[in-house]
Amino acid sequence: MTMLPPELSPSAPTRSINAISYVLVAAMIAAVLWLHLLPAAIAGFLVYALARKLEARLRERSRLSQRAKATAVICVSVIAALILAGLGIGIGRLVEHGHGLEGMLTRIADVLDNVRESLPAAVVAYVPQSVTELRVQLVQMIKEHGHQVSTLGIDGLRASALMLVGLILGTMVAWSDTLDPEHHKPLAAALVNRLSRLTDAFEAVVFAQVKISALNTALAAIYLLGALPLFGQHVPYSKSLILLTFVAGLIPVAGNLISNTAIVVMSVTASLELAVASLIFLVVVHKLEYFVNARIIGSRIDARAWELILALIVMEALFGVGGVIAAPVVYAYMKRELTDAGLIG
């Protein structure tokens, strides 16, 4: 029997198509990170994953099986809309007179004298003496760093708009009828398989991140509502800070930094000693964050702790904070592809 050369064997076209699909998905991931489109990607994948999971649960019930997709997509869309509305209301209350930023500013001003008494003489000169001086310094800082402040505001609006677009796209994809890969052309079928595995990796990481956020929130609650009251200390807005810890904790690593900063800032308004204690506590928690992330997420994607820590470091060096957030998903996807290809395992 005459053997066909490798380039004419039946598996050669399949290998070429798979190679093209790998390149396209890798280019997509790199483009999302380089173009700072991660908020849209996360929102879209989240809506799609939740809708798909809810649809599968509803199909298990015979009475709802016929309307499972519509019910799932509508429920997830409504919840997403409520979350966006809640964020808008929260931002509104944050800038509302007498609350949020204004209340925090007043609180800081009320304890300026006590803080000045606790500081060394060399540092006292840098601490405002009154509310008026504090406001003047804040205004001056905004003038000096106006570009950075405006850029931060624009970036926040851009991220919010991208999240809204991602939610809409995720809803549209979840609503559409997904054909079986066998009914697609070869390249389309390969891309569907690649994206399906990427979605599975996203689901595994997200649900693991919920556990991590719950753990961080529990530690913050123990510290703010349990340990500090035993020593007669209290951090203002403790309950709001606990809620912020859970919401921000859904963002890998970076979210912990956000909540930690808020807790330390509010601790300063109580006393310098409390601020130092909060800083020490939160530094320890943050240092453990890498290992907690690696441990919990690693158990969901069958990866060792050192593998994920290395992935976090490499992705942070390549893409910054966005790389840190995306690292667990990207690594889980890459490992799944290599395992299914029989290259590792």
C-alpha atoms as a PDB file:
ATOM      1  CA  MET A   1       0.000   0.000   0.000  1.00  0.00           C
ATOM      2  CA  THR A   2       1.317   3.436  -0.931  1.00  0.00           C
ATOM      3  CA  MET A   3       1.566   5.792   2.057  1.00  0.00           C
ATOM      4  CA  LEU A   4       0.391   9.349   1.586  1.00  0.00           C
ATOM      5  CA  PRO A   5       2.896  12.066   2.403  1.00  0.00           C
ATOM      6  CA  PRO A   6       2.185  13.950   5.657  1.00  0.00           C
ATOM      7  CA  GLU A   7       1.048  17.050   3.819  1.00  0.00           C
ATOM      8  CA  LEU A   8      -1.652  14.998   2.042  1.00  0.00           C
ATOM      9  CA  SER A   9      -2.785  12.920   4.991  1.00  0.00           C
ATOM     10  CA  PRO A  10      -6.359  13.475   6.254  1.00  0.00           C
ATOM     11  CA  SER A  11      -5.135  14.917   9.568  1.00  0.00           C
ATOM     12  CA  ALA A  12      -3.010  17.657   7.993  1.00  0.00           C
ATOM     13  CA  PRO A  13      -5.928  20.006   7.179  1.00  0.00           C
ATOM     14  CA  THR A  14      -7.334  19.465  10.655  1.00  0.00           C
ATOM     15  CA  ARG A  15      -4.011  20.380  12.254  1.00  0.00           C
ATOM     16  CA  SER A  16      -3.786  23.505  10.114  1.00  0.00           C
ATOM     17  CA  ILE A  17      -7.320  24.574  11.022  1.00  0.00           C
ATOM     18  CA  ASN A  18      -6.671  23.982  14.713  1.00  0.00           C
ATOM     19  CA  ALA A  19      -3.443  25.964  14.497  1.00  0.00           C
ATOM     20  CA  ILE A  20      -5.285  28.893  12.886  1.00  0.00           C
ATOM     21  CA  SER A  21      -7.977  28.784  15.595  1.00  0.00           C
ATOM     22  CA  TYR A  22      -5.318  28.823  18.326  1.00  0.00           C
ATOM     23  CA  VAL A  23      -3.670  31.867  16.750  1.00  0.00           C
ATOM     24  CA  LEU A  24      -6.984  33.706  16.388  1.00  0.00           C
ATOM     25  CA  VAL A  25      -8.010  33.089  20.012  1.00  0.00           C
ATOM     26  CA  ALA A  26      -4.549  34.090  21.265  1.00  0.00           C
ATOM     27  CA  ALA A  27      -4.735  37.280  19.185  1.00  0.00           C
ATOM     28  CA  MET A  28      -8.185  37.999  20.610  1.00  0.00           C
ATOM     29  CA  ILE A  29      -6.982  37.619  24.197  1.00  0.00           C
ATOM     30  CA  ALA A  30      -3.924  39.803  23.552  1.00  0.00           C
ATOM     31  CA  ALA A  31      -6.062  42.466  21.852  1.00  0.00           C
ATOM     32  CA  VAL A  32      -8.506  42.557  24.778  1.00  0.00           C
ATOM     33  CA  LEU A  33      -5.635  43.164  27.212  1.00  0.00           C
ATOM     34  CA  TRP A  34      -3.641  45.594  25.068  1.00  0.00           C
ATOM     35  CA  LEU A  35      -6.689  47.664  24.100  1.00  0.00           C
ATOM     36  CA  HIS A  36      -8.006  47.696  27.704  1.00  0.00           C
ATOM     37  CA  LEU A  37     -11.251  45.965  26.761  1.00  0.00           C
ATOM     38  CA  LEU A  38     -11.187  43.670  29.782  1.00  0.00           C
ATOM     39  CA  PRO A  39     -14.288  45.213  31.475  1.00  0.00           C
ATOM     40  CA  ALA A  40     -16.406  44.441  28.402  1.00  0.00           C
ATOM     41  CA  ALA A  41     -14.970  40.924  28.110  1.00  0.00           C
ATOM     42  CA  ILE A  42     -15.595  40.125  31.772  1.00  0.00           C
ATOM     43  CA  ALA A  43     -19.148  41.498  31.695  1.00  0.00           C
ATOM     44  CA  GLY A  44     -19.991  39.640  28.485  1.00  0.00           C
ATOM     45  CA  PHE A  45     -18.544  36.312  29.599  1.00  0.00           C
ATOM     46  CA  LEU A  46     -20.210  36.658  33.010  1.00  0.00           C
ATOM     47  CA  VAL A  47     -23.689  37.252  31.597  1.00  0.00           C
ATOM     48  CA  TYR A  48     -23.284  34.448  29.064  1.00  0.00           C
ATOM     49  CA  ALA A  49     -21.931  31.985  31.633  1.00  0.00           C
ATOM     50  CA  LEU A  50     -24.641  32.737  34.197  1.00  0.00           C
ATOM     51  CA  ALA A  51     -27.396  32.539  31.587  1.00  0.00           C
ATOM     52  CA  ARG A  52     -26.075  29.235  30.295  1.00  0.00           C
ATOM     53  CA  LYS A  53     -25.823  27.800  33.800  1.00  0.00           C
ATOM     54  CA  LEU A  54     -29.319  28.953  34.751  1.00  0.00           C
ATOM     55  CA  GLU A  55     -30.717  27.599  31.476  1.00  0.00           C
ATOM     56  CA  ALA A  56     -29.231  24.174  32.194  1.00  0.00           C
ATOM     57  CA  ARG A  57     -30.851  24.164  35.636  1.00  0.00           C
ATOM     58  CA  LEU A  58     -34.228  25.190  34.236  1.00  0.00           C
ATOM     59  CA  ARG A  59     -34.137  22.497  31.539  1.00  0.00           C
ATOM     60  CA  GLU A  60     -33.988  19.910  34.307  1.00  0.00           C
ATOM     61  CA  ARG A  61     -37.546  20.920  35.209  1.00  0.00           C
ATOM     62  CA  SER A  62     -40.008  19.713  32.592  1.00  0.00           C
ATOM     63  CA  ARG A  63     -42.457  22.588  33.096  1.00  0.00           C
ATOM     64  CA  LEU A  64     -39.813  25.220  32.321  1.00  0.00           C
ATOM     65  CA  SER A  65     -37.789  23.368  29.696  1.00  0.00           C
ATOM     66  CA  GLN A  66     -39.594  24.998  26.745  1.00  0.00           C
ATOM     67  CA  ARG A  67     -38.884  28.521  27.998  1.00  0.00           C
ATOM     68  CA  ALA A  68     -35.588  27.810  29.731  1.00  0.00           C
ATOM     69  CA  LYS A  69     -33.402  30.001  27.518  1.00  0.00           C
ATOM     70  CA  ALA A  70     -35.771  32.995  27.535  1.00  0.00           C
ATOM     71  CA  THR A  71     -36.284  32.774  31.291  1.00  0.00           C
ATOM     72  CA  ALA A  72     -32.562  32.461  31.993  1.00  0.00           C
ATOM     73  CA  VAL A  73     -31.526  35.342  29.749  1.00  0.00           C
ATOM     74  CA  ILE A  74     -34.255  37.651  31.060  1.00  0.00           C
ATOM     75  CA  CYS A  75     -33.448  36.868  34.700  1.00  0.00           C
ATOM     76  CA  VAL A  76     -29.716  37.402  34.260  1.00  0.00           C
ATOM     77  CA  SER A  77     -30.292  40.611  32.253  1.00  0.00           C
ATOM     78  CA  VAL A  78     -32.601  42.031  34.927  1.00  0.00           C
ATOM     79  CA  ILE A  79     -30.102  41.199  37.670  1.00  0.00           C
ATOM     80  CA  ALA A  80     -27.304  42.843  35.670  1.00  0.00           C
ATOM     81  CA  ALA A  81     -29.451  45.941  35.133  1.00  0.00           C
ATOM     82  CA  LEU A  82     -30.214  46.112  38.865  1.00  0.00           C
ATOM     83  CA  ILE A  83     -26.507  45.847  39.670  1.00  0.00           C
ATOM     84  CA  LEU A  84     -25.700  48.710  37.300  1.00  0.00           C
ATOM     85  CA  ALA A  85     -28.515  50.768  38.815  1.00  0.00           C
ATOM     86  CA  GLY A  86     -27.198  49.980  42.286  1.00  0.00           C
ATOM     87  CA  LEU A  87     -23.739  51.160  41.283  1.00  0.00           C
ATOM     88  CA  GLY A  88     -25.218  54.380  39.980  1.00  0.00           C
ATOM     89  CA  ILE A  89     -27.168  54.960  43.185  1.00  0.00           C
ATOM     90  CA  GLY A  90     -24.059  54.163  45.235  1.00  0.00           C
ATOM     91  CA  ILE A  91     -21.993  56.695  43.313  1.00  0.00           C
ATOM     92  CA  GLY A  92     -24.769  59.241  43.767  1.00  0.00           C
ATOM     93  CA  ARG A  93     -24.824  58.722  47.521  1.00  0.00           C
ATOM     94  CA  LEU A  94     -21.052  58.875  47.573  1.00  0.00           C
ATOM     95  CA  VAL A  95     -21.104  62.478  46.396  1.00  0.00           C
ATOM     96  CA  GLU A  96     -24.332  63.442  48.149  1.00  0.00           C
ATOM     97  CA  HIS A  97     -24.008  66.245  50.663  1.00  0.00           C
ATOM     98  CA  GLY A  98     -23.574  64.961  54.196  1.00  0.00           C
ATOM     99  CA  HIS A  99     -22.771  61.433  53.078  1.00  0.00           C
ATOM    100  CA  GLY A 100     -19.984  59.555  51.407  1.00  0.00           C
ATOM    101  CA  LEU A 101     -17.057  61.753  50.452  1.00  0.00           C
ATOM    102  CA  GLU A 102     -18.460  64.789  52.220  1.00  0.00           C
ATOM    103  CA  GLY A 103     -19.029  62.808  55.400  1.00  0.00           C
ATOM    104  CA  MET A 104     -15.552  61.299  55.226  1.00  0.00           C
ATOM    105  CA  LEU A 105     -14.025  64.755  54.714  1.00  0.00           C
ATOM    106  CA  THR A 106     -15.875  66.113  57.726  1.00  0.00           C
ATOM    107  CA  ARG A 107     -14.798  63.126  59.796  1.00  0.00           C
ATOM    108  CA  ILE A 108     -11.167  63.656  58.809  1.00  0.00           C
ATOM    109  CA  ALA A 109     -11.395  67.323  59.727  1.00  0.00           C
ATOM    110  CA  ASP A 110     -12.890  66.509  63.135  1.00  0.00           C
ATOM    111  CA  VAL A 111      -9.864  64.427  64.153  1.00  0.00           C
ATOM    112  CA  LEU A 112      -7.129  66.650  62.721  1.00  0.00           C
ATOM    113  CA  ASP A 113      -6.206  68.045  66.140  1.00  0.00           C
ATOM    114  CA  ASN A 114      -5.910  64.592  67.708  1.00  0.00           C
ATOM    115  CA  VAL A 115      -3.777  63.363  64.858  1.00  0.00           C
ATOM    116  CA  ARG A 116      -1.483  66.378  65.108  1.00  0.00           C
ATOM    117  CA  GLU A 117      -0.898  65.642  68.791  1.00  0.00           C
ATOM    118  CA  SER A 118       0.097  62.051  67.966  1.00  0.00           C
ATOM    119  CA  LEU A 119       2.588  62.916  65.230  1.00  0.00           C
ATOM    120  CA  PRO A 120       6.282  63.806  65.567  1.00  0.00           C
ATOM    121  CA  ALA A 121       7.119  67.521  65.394  1.00  0.00           C
ATOM    122  CA  ALA A 122       8.797  67.105  62.014  1.00  0.00           C
ATOM    123  CA  VAL A 123       5.541  65.799  60.501  1.00  0.00           C
ATOM    124  CA  VAL A 124       3.093  68.194  62.173  1.00  0.00           C
ATOM    125  CA  ALA A 125       3.923  70.980  59.705  1.00  0.00           C
ATOM    126  CA  TYR A 126       2.485  68.895  56.876  1.00  0.00           C
ATOM    127  CA  VAL A 127      -0.860  68.227  58.606  1.00  0.00           C
ATOM    128  CA  PRO A 128      -3.676  70.762  57.945  1.00  0.00           C
ATOM    129  CA  GLN A 129      -4.690  72.787  60.988  1.00  0.00           C
ATOM    130  CA  SER A 130      -8.358  73.261  60.076  1.00  0.00           C
ATOM    131  CA  VAL A 131     -11.142  72.215  57.763  1.00  0.00           C
ATOM    132  CA  THR A 132     -10.527  75.266  55.606  1.00  0.00           C
ATOM    133  CA  GLU A 133      -6.850  74.473  55.203  1.00  0.00           C
ATOM    134  CA  LEU A 134      -7.712  70.846  54.405  1.00  0.00           C
ATOM    135  CA  ARG A 135     -10.091  71.943  51.666  1.00  0.00           C
ATOM    136  CA  VAL A 136      -7.533  74.403  50.273  1.00  0.00           C
ATOM    137  CA  GLN A 137      -4.902  71.669  50.092  1.00  0.00           C
ATOM    138  CA  LEU A 138      -7.322  69.306  48.362  1.00  0.00           C
ATOM    139  CA  VAL A 139      -8.232  71.957  45.789  1.00  0.00           C
ATOM    140  CA  GLN A 140      -4.555  72.730  45.213  1.00  0.00           C
ATOM    141  CA  MET A 141      -3.787  69.032  44.759  1.00  0.00           C
ATOM    142  CA  ILE A 142      -6.579  68.718  42.200  1.00  0.00           C
ATOM    143  CA  LYS A 143      -5.234  71.736  40.307  1.00  0.00           C
ATOM    144  CA  GLU A 144      -1.700  70.358  40.274  1.00  0.00           C
ATOM    145  CA  HIS A 145      -2.826  66.900  39.212  1.00  0.00           C
ATOM    146  CA  GLY A 146      -5.863  67.892  37.171  1.00  0.00           C
ATOM    147  CA  HIS A 147      -4.805  65.835  34.202  1.00  0.00           C
ATOM    148  CA  GLN A 148      -4.467  62.659  36.256  1.00  0.00           C
ATOM    149  CA  VAL A 149      -7.787  63.294  38.025  1.00  0.00           C
ATOM    150  CA  SER A 150      -9.627  63.947  34.760  1.00  0.00           C
ATOM    151  CA  THR A 151      -8.010  60.906  33.180  1.00  0.00           C
ATOM    152  CA  LEU A 152      -9.137  58.782  36.120  1.00  0.00           C
ATOM    153  CA  GLY A 153     -12.695  60.023  35.704  1.00  0.00           C
ATOM    154  CA  ILE A 154     -12.648  59.394  31.961  1.00  0.00           C
ATOM    155  CA  ASP A 155     -11.220  55.908  32.494  1.00  0.00           C
ATOM    156  CA  GLY A 156     -13.988  55.170  34.986  1.00  0.00           C
ATOM    157  CA  LEU A 157     -16.680  56.291  32.554  1.00  0.00           C
ATOM    158  CA  ARG A 158     -15.022  54.321  29.759  1.00  0.00           C
ATOM    159  CA  ALA A 159     -14.904  51.172  31.887  1.00  0.00           C
ATOM    160  CA  SER A 160     -18.585  51.603  32.802  1.00  0.00           C
ATOM    161  CA  ALA A 161     -19.536  52.044  29.138  1.00  0.00           C
ATOM    162  CA  LEU A 162     -17.499  48.976  28.167  1.00  0.00           C
ATOM    163  CA  MET A 163     -19.194  46.928  30.879  1.00  0.00           C
ATOM    164  CA  LEU A 164     -22.598  47.992  29.558  1.00  0.00           C
ATOM    165  CA  VAL A 165     -21.603  47.024  26.013  1.00  0.00           C
ATOM    166  CA  GLY A 166     -20.259  43.699  27.296  1.00  0.00           C
ATOM    167  CA  LEU A 167     -23.507  42.993  29.155  1.00  0.00           C
ATOM    168  CA  ILE A 168     -25.519  43.673  26.017  1.00  0.00           C
ATOM    169  CA  LEU A 169     -23.284  41.496  23.842  1.00  0.00           C
ATOM    170  CA  GLY A 170     -23.297  38.680  26.402  1.00  0.00           C
ATOM    171  CA  THR A 171     -27.094  38.816  26.523  1.00  0.00           C
ATOM    172  CA  MET A 172     -27.346  38.735  22.726  1.00  0.00           C
ATOM    173  CA  VAL A 173     -25.013  35.738  22.457  1.00  0.00           C
ATOM    174  CA  ALA A 174     -26.868  33.893  25.241  1.00  0.00           C
ATOM    175  CA  TRP A 175     -30.195  34.590  23.517  1.00  0.00           C
ATOM    176  CA  SER A 176     -29.063  33.397  20.093  1.00  0.00           C
ATOM    177  CA  ASP A 177     -29.399  29.766  19.066  1.00  0.00           C
ATOM    178  CA  THR A 178     -26.016  28.041  19.212  1.00  0.00           C
ATOM    179  CA  LEU A 179     -25.605  25.400  16.550  1.00  0.00           C
ATOM    180  CA  ASP A 180     -23.822  22.158  17.253  1.00  0.00           C
ATOM    181  CA  PRO A 181     -20.140  22.410  16.199  1.00  0.00           C
ATOM    182  CA  GLU A 182     -20.727  19.591  13.708  1.00  0.00           C
ATOM    183  CA  HIS A 183     -23.008  21.896  11.691  1.00  0.00           C
ATOM    184  CA  HIS A 184     -20.311  24.590  11.334  1.00  0.00           C
ATOM    185  CA  LYS A 185     -17.602  24.892   8.748  1.00  0.00           C
ATOM    186  CA  PRO A 186     -14.250  23.491   9.950  1.00  0.00           C
ATOM    187  CA  LEU A 187     -12.673  26.762  11.117  1.00  0.00           C
ATOM    188  CA  ALA A 188     -15.892  27.975  12.726  1.00  0.00           C
ATOM    189  CA  ALA A 189     -16.258  24.650  14.544  1.00  0.00           C
ATOM    190  CA  ALA A 190     -12.669  24.875  15.807  1.00  0.00           C
ATOM    191  CA  LEU A 191     -13.261  28.442  17.048  1.00  0.00           C
ATOM    192  CA  VAL A 192     -16.466  27.370  18.798  1.00  0.00           C
ATOM    193  CA  ASN A 193     -14.516  24.650  20.614  1.00  0.00           C
ATOM    194  CA  ARG A 194     -11.771  27.118  21.589  1.00  0.00           C
ATOM    195  CA  LEU A 195     -14.269  29.674  22.914  1.00  0.00           C
ATOM    196  CA  SER A 196     -16.270  26.989  24.718  1.00  0.00           C
ATOM    197  CA  ARG A 197     -13.147  25.950  26.629  1.00  0.00           C
ATOM    198  CA  LEU A 198     -12.337  29.584  27.363  1.00  0.00           C
ATOM    199  CA  THR A 199     -15.855  30.041  28.770  1.00  0.00           C
ATOM    200  CA  ASP A 200     -15.451  26.926  30.937  1.00  0.00           C
ATOM    201  CA  ALA A 201     -12.170  28.310  32.287  1.00  0.00           C
ATOM    202  CA  PHE A 202     -13.851  31.652  32.999  1.00  0.00           C
ATOM    203  CA  GLU A 203     -16.678  29.952  34.904  1.00  0.00           C
ATOM    204  CA  ALA A 204     -14.265  27.922  37.027  1.00  0.00           C
ATOM    205  CA  VAL A 205     -12.195  30.977  37.954  1.00  0.00           C
ATOM    206  CA  VAL A 206     -15.167  33.277  38.616  1.00  0.00           C
ATOM    207  CA  PHE A 207     -16.923  30.886  40.987  1.00  0.00           C
ATOM    208  CA  ALA A 208     -13.633  30.275  42.762  1.00  0.00           C
ATOM    209  CA  GLN A 209     -13.149  34.037  43.043  1.00  0.00           C
ATOM    210  CA  VAL A 210     -16.523  34.302  44.782  1.00  0.00           C
ATOM    211  CA  LYS A 211     -15.161  31.993  47.484  1.00  0.00           C
ATOM    212  CA  ILE A 212     -12.021  34.126  47.776  1.00  0.00           C
ATOM    213  CA  SER A 213     -14.098  37.296  48.070  1.00  0.00           C
ATOM    214  CA  ALA A 214     -16.271  35.688  50.742  1.00  0.00           C
ATOM    215  CA  LEU A 215     -13.148  34.710  52.688  1.00  0.00           C
ATOM    216  CA  ASN A 216     -11.704  38.238  52.460  1.00  0.00           C
ATOM    217  CA  THR A 217     -15.054  39.686  53.546  1.00  0.00           C
ATOM    218  CA  ALA A 218     -15.226  37.335  56.527  1.00  0.00           C
ATOM    219  CA  LEU A 219     -11.709  38.351  57.618  1.00  0.00           C
ATOM    220  CA  ALA A 220     -12.563  42.041  57.236  1.00  0.00           C
ATOM    221  CA  ALA A 221     -15.787  41.575  59.223  1.00  0.00           C
ATOM    222  CA  ILE A 222     -13.941  39.770  62.013  1.00  0.00           C
ATOM    223  CA  TYR A 223     -11.390  42.574  62.170  1.00  0.00           C
ATOM    224  CA  LEU A 224     -13.784  45.541  61.887  1.00  0.00           C
ATOM    225  CA  LEU A 225     -16.776  44.238  63.851  1.00  0.00           C
ATOM    226  CA  GLY A 226     -15.130  41.678  66.130  1.00  0.00           C
ATOM    227  CA  ALA A 227     -11.506  42.357  67.035  1.00  0.00           C
ATOM    228  CA  LEU A 228     -11.507  46.171  67.084  1.00  0.00           C
ATOM    229  CA  PRO A 229     -14.595  46.569  69.355  1.00  0.00           C
ATOM    230  CA  LEU A 230     -12.931  44.275  71.896  1.00  0.00           C
ATOM    231  CA  PHE A 231     -10.210  46.920  72.248  1.00  0.00           C
ATOM    232  CA  GLY A 232     -12.659  49.811  72.270  1.00  0.00           C
ATOM    233  CA  GLN A 233     -11.846  50.860  68.687  1.00  0.00           C
ATOM    234  CA  HIS A 234     -14.208  51.569  65.813  1.00  0.00           C
ATOM    235  CA  VAL A 235     -13.635  52.308  62.128  1.00  0.00           C
ATOM    236  CA  PRO A 236     -16.285  54.609  60.610  1.00  0.00           C
ATOM    237  CA  TYR A 237     -18.511  53.156  57.888  1.00  0.00           C
ATOM    238  CA  SER A 238     -17.513  49.626  58.904  1.00  0.00           C
ATOM    239  CA  LYS A 239     -20.549  47.951  57.375  1.00  0.00           C
ATOM    240  CA  SER A 240     -20.099  49.827  54.097  1.00  0.00           C
ATOM    241  CA  LEU A 241     -16.428  48.821  54.059  1.00  0.00           C
ATOM    242  CA  ILE A 242     -17.388  45.171  54.510  1.00  0.00           C
ATOM    243  CA  LEU A 243     -19.777  45.410  51.553  1.00  0.00           C
ATOM    244  CA  LEU A 244     -17.057  47.099  49.510  1.00  0.00           C
ATOM    245  CA  THR A 245     -14.647  44.285  50.441  1.00  0.00           C
ATOM    246  CA  PHE A 246     -16.983  41.669  48.995  1.00  0.00           C
ATOM    247  CA  VAL A 247     -17.788  43.559  45.781  1.00  0.00           C
ATOM    248  CA  ALA A 248     -14.186  44.614  45.123  1.00  0.00           C
ATOM    249  CA  GLY A 249     -12.956  41.157  46.124  1.00  0.00           C
ATOM    250  CA  LEU A 250     -14.565  39.725  42.998  1.00  0.00           C
ATOM    251  CA  ILE A 251     -11.655  41.328  41.132  1.00  0.00           C
ATOM    252  CA  PRO A 252      -8.556  39.138  41.601  1.00  0.00           C
ATOM    253  CA  VAL A 253      -5.776  40.790  43.658  1.00  0.00           C
ATOM    254  CA  ALA A 254      -6.581  44.350  42.517  1.00  0.00           C
ATOM    255  CA  GLY A 255      -9.945  44.298  44.302  1.00  0.00           C
ATOM    256  CA  ASN A 256      -8.250  43.511  47.582  1.00  0.00           C
ATOM    257  CA  LEU A 257      -6.058  46.570  47.145  1.00  0.00           C
ATOM    258  CA  ILE A 258      -9.128  48.764  46.644  1.00  0.00           C
ATOM    259  CA  SER A 259     -10.878  47.578  49.801  1.00  0.00           C
ATOM    260  CA  ASN A 260      -7.656  47.673  51.830  1.00  0.00           C
ATOM    261  CA  THR A 261      -7.016  51.288  50.859  1.00  0.00           C
ATOM    262  CA  ALA A 262     -10.547  52.283  51.871  1.00  0.00           C
ATOM    263  CA  ILE A 263     -10.209  50.589  55.269  1.00  0.00           C
ATOM    264  CA  VAL A 264      -6.867  52.250  55.993  1.00  0.00           C
ATOM    265  CA  VAL A 265      -8.166  55.685  54.945  1.00  0.00           C
ATOM    266  CA  MET A 266     -11.171  55.388  57.241  1.00  0.00           C
ATOM    267  CA  SER A 267      -8.953  54.110  60.060  1.00  0.00           C
ATOM    268  CA  VAL A 268      -6.930  57.314  59.811  1.00  0.00           C
ATOM    269  CA  THR A 269     -10.058  59.286  60.648  1.00  0.00           C
ATOM    270  CA  ALA A 270     -10.304  57.450  63.991  1.00  0.00           C
ATOM    271  CA  SER A 271      -6.691  57.533  65.153  1.00  0.00           C
ATOM    272  CA  LEU A 272      -3.160  57.169  63.895  1.00  0.00           C
ATOM    273  CA  GLU A 273      -2.631  54.046  65.997  1.00  0.00           C
ATOM    274  CA  LEU A 274      -5.731  52.412  64.507  1.00  0.00           C
ATOM    275  CA  ALA A 275      -4.535  53.290  61.012  1.00  0.00           C
ATOM    276  CA  VAL A 276      -1.191  51.592  61.675  1.00  0.00           C
ATOM    277  CA  ALA A 277      -2.943  48.514  63.078  1.00  0.00           C
ATOM    278  CA  SER A 278      -5.259  48.347  60.051  1.00  0.00           C
ATOM    279  CA  LEU A 279      -2.339  48.743  57.692  1.00  0.00           C
ATOM    280  CA  ILE A 280      -0.426  45.886  59.327  1.00  0.00           C
ATOM    281  CA  PHE A 281      -3.483  43.625  59.303  1.00  0.00           C
ATOM    282  CA  LEU A 282      -4.302  44.351  55.674  1.00  0.00           C
ATOM    283  CA  VAL A 283      -0.704  44.005  54.488  1.00  0.00           C
ATOM    284  CA  VAL A 284      -0.643  40.510  55.967  1.00  0.00           C
ATOM    285  CA  VAL A 285      -3.989  39.686  54.310  1.00  0.00           C
ATOM    286  CA  HIS A 286      -2.800  41.073  50.985  1.00  0.00           C
ATOM    287  CA  LYS A 287       0.421  39.074  51.093  1.00  0.00           C
ATOM    288  CA  LEU A 288      -1.646  35.955  51.676  1.00  0.00           C
ATOM    289  CA  GLU A 289      -3.908  36.877  48.760  1.00  0.00           C
ATOM    290  CA  TYR A 290      -1.586  35.403  46.129  1.00  0.00           C
ATOM    291  CA  PHE A 291      -1.447  32.063  47.948  1.00  0.00           C
ATOM    292  CA  VAL A 292      -5.178  32.009  48.725  1.00  0.00           C
ATOM    293  CA  ASN A 293      -5.970  32.764  45.082  1.00  0.00           C
ATOM    294  CA  ALA A 294      -3.590  30.081  43.907  1.00  0.00           C
ATOM    295  CA  ARG A 295      -4.936  27.519  46.383  1.00  0.00           C
ATOM    296  CA  ILE A 296      -8.666  28.000  45.751  1.00  0.00           C
ATOM    297  CA  ILE A 297      -8.514  28.687  42.024  1.00  0.00           C
ATOM    298  CA  GLY A 298      -5.886  25.977  41.559  1.00  0.00           C
ATOM    299  CA  SER A 299      -8.264  23.389  43.012  1.00  0.00           C
ATOM    300  CA  ARG A 300     -10.899  24.349  40.423  1.00  0.00           C
ATOM    301  CA  ILE A 301      -8.604  24.213  37.387  1.00  0.00           C
ATOM    302  CA  ASP A 302      -6.264  21.436  38.571  1.00  0.00           C
ATOM    303  CA  ALA A 303      -3.215  23.691  38.896  1.00  0.00           C
ATOM    304  CA  ARG A 304      -0.557  23.889  41.579  1.00  0.00           C
ATOM    305  CA  ALA A 305      -0.184  27.048  43.646  1.00  0.00           C
ATOM    306  CA  TRP A 306       3.234  27.906  42.229  1.00  0.00           C
ATOM    307  CA  GLU A 307       1.905  27.635  38.671  1.00  0.00           C
ATOM    308  CA  LEU A 308      -0.751  30.279  39.247  1.00  0.00           C
ATOM    309  CA  ILE A 309       1.611  32.540  41.187  1.00  0.00           C
ATOM    310  CA  LEU A 310       4.044  32.389  38.271  1.00  0.00           C
ATOM    311  CA  ALA A 311       1.205  33.118  35.836  1.00  0.00           C
ATOM    312  CA  LEU A 312       0.154  36.142  37.915  1.00  0.00           C
ATOM    313  CA  ILE A 313       3.705  37.501  37.936  1.00  0.00           C
ATOM    314  CA  VAL A 314       4.246  37.021  34.190  1.00  0.00           C
ATOM    315  CA  MET A 315       0.866  38.457  33.184  1.00  0.00           C
ATOM    316  CA  GLU A 316       1.351  41.437  35.500  1.00  0.00           C
ATOM    317  CA  ALA A 317       4.722  42.147  33.871  1.00  0.00           C
ATOM    318  CA  LEU A 318       3.181  41.941  30.385  1.00  0.00           C
ATOM    319  CA  PHE A 319      -0.171  43.655  30.834  1.00  0.00           C
ATOM    320  CA  GLY A 320      -0.214  45.329  34.261  1.00  0.00           C
ATOM    321  CA  VAL A 321      -3.299  45.127  36.466  1.00  0.00           C
ATOM    322  CA  GLY A 322      -5.385  43.781  33.597  1.00  0.00           C
ATOM    323  CA  GLY A 323      -2.952  40.923  33.233  1.00  0.00           C
ATOM    324  CA  VAL A 324      -3.285  40.070  36.923  1.00  0.00           C
ATOM    325  CA  ILE A 325      -7.070  39.939  36.601  1.00  0.00           C
ATOM    326  CA  ALA A 326      -6.990  37.834  33.447  1.00  0.00           C
ATOM    327  CA  ALA A 327      -4.097  35.557  34.458  1.00  0.00           C
ATOM    328  CA  PRO A 328      -6.118  32.780  36.169  1.00  0.00           C
ATOM    329  CA  VAL A 329      -8.557  32.516  33.245  1.00  0.00           C
ATOM    330  CA  VAL A 330      -5.849  32.584  30.580  1.00  0.00           C
ATOM    331  CA  TYR A 331      -3.736  30.021  32.418  1.00  0.00           C
ATOM    332  CA  ALA A 332      -6.714  27.716  33.026  1.00  0.00           C
ATOM    333  CA  TYR A 333      -7.619  27.894  29.336  1.00  0.00           C
ATOM    334  CA  MET A 334      -4.053  27.244  28.161  1.00  0.00           C
ATOM    335  CA  LYS A 335      -3.677  24.264  30.476  1.00  0.00           C
ATOM    336  CA  ARG A 336      -6.994  22.800  29.322  1.00  0.00           C
ATOM    337  CA  GLU A 337      -5.964  23.101  25.668  1.00  0.00           C
ATOM    338  CA  LEU A 338      -2.536  21.548  26.266  1.00  0.00           C
ATOM    339  CA  THR A 339      -4.080  18.720  28.286  1.00  0.00           C
ATOM    340  CA  ASP A 340      -6.710  17.926  25.661  1.00  0.00           C
ATOM    341  CA  ALA A 341      -4.009  17.978  22.981  1.00  0.00           C
ATOM    342  CA  GLY A 342      -2.102  15.323  24.920  1.00  0.00           C
ATOM    343  CA  LEU A 343       0.944  17.545  25.386  1.00  0.00           C
ATOM    344  CA  ILE A 344       0.759  17.613  29.186  1.00  0.00           C
ATOM    345  CA  GLY A 345      -1.127  15.772  31.882  1.00  0.00           C
END
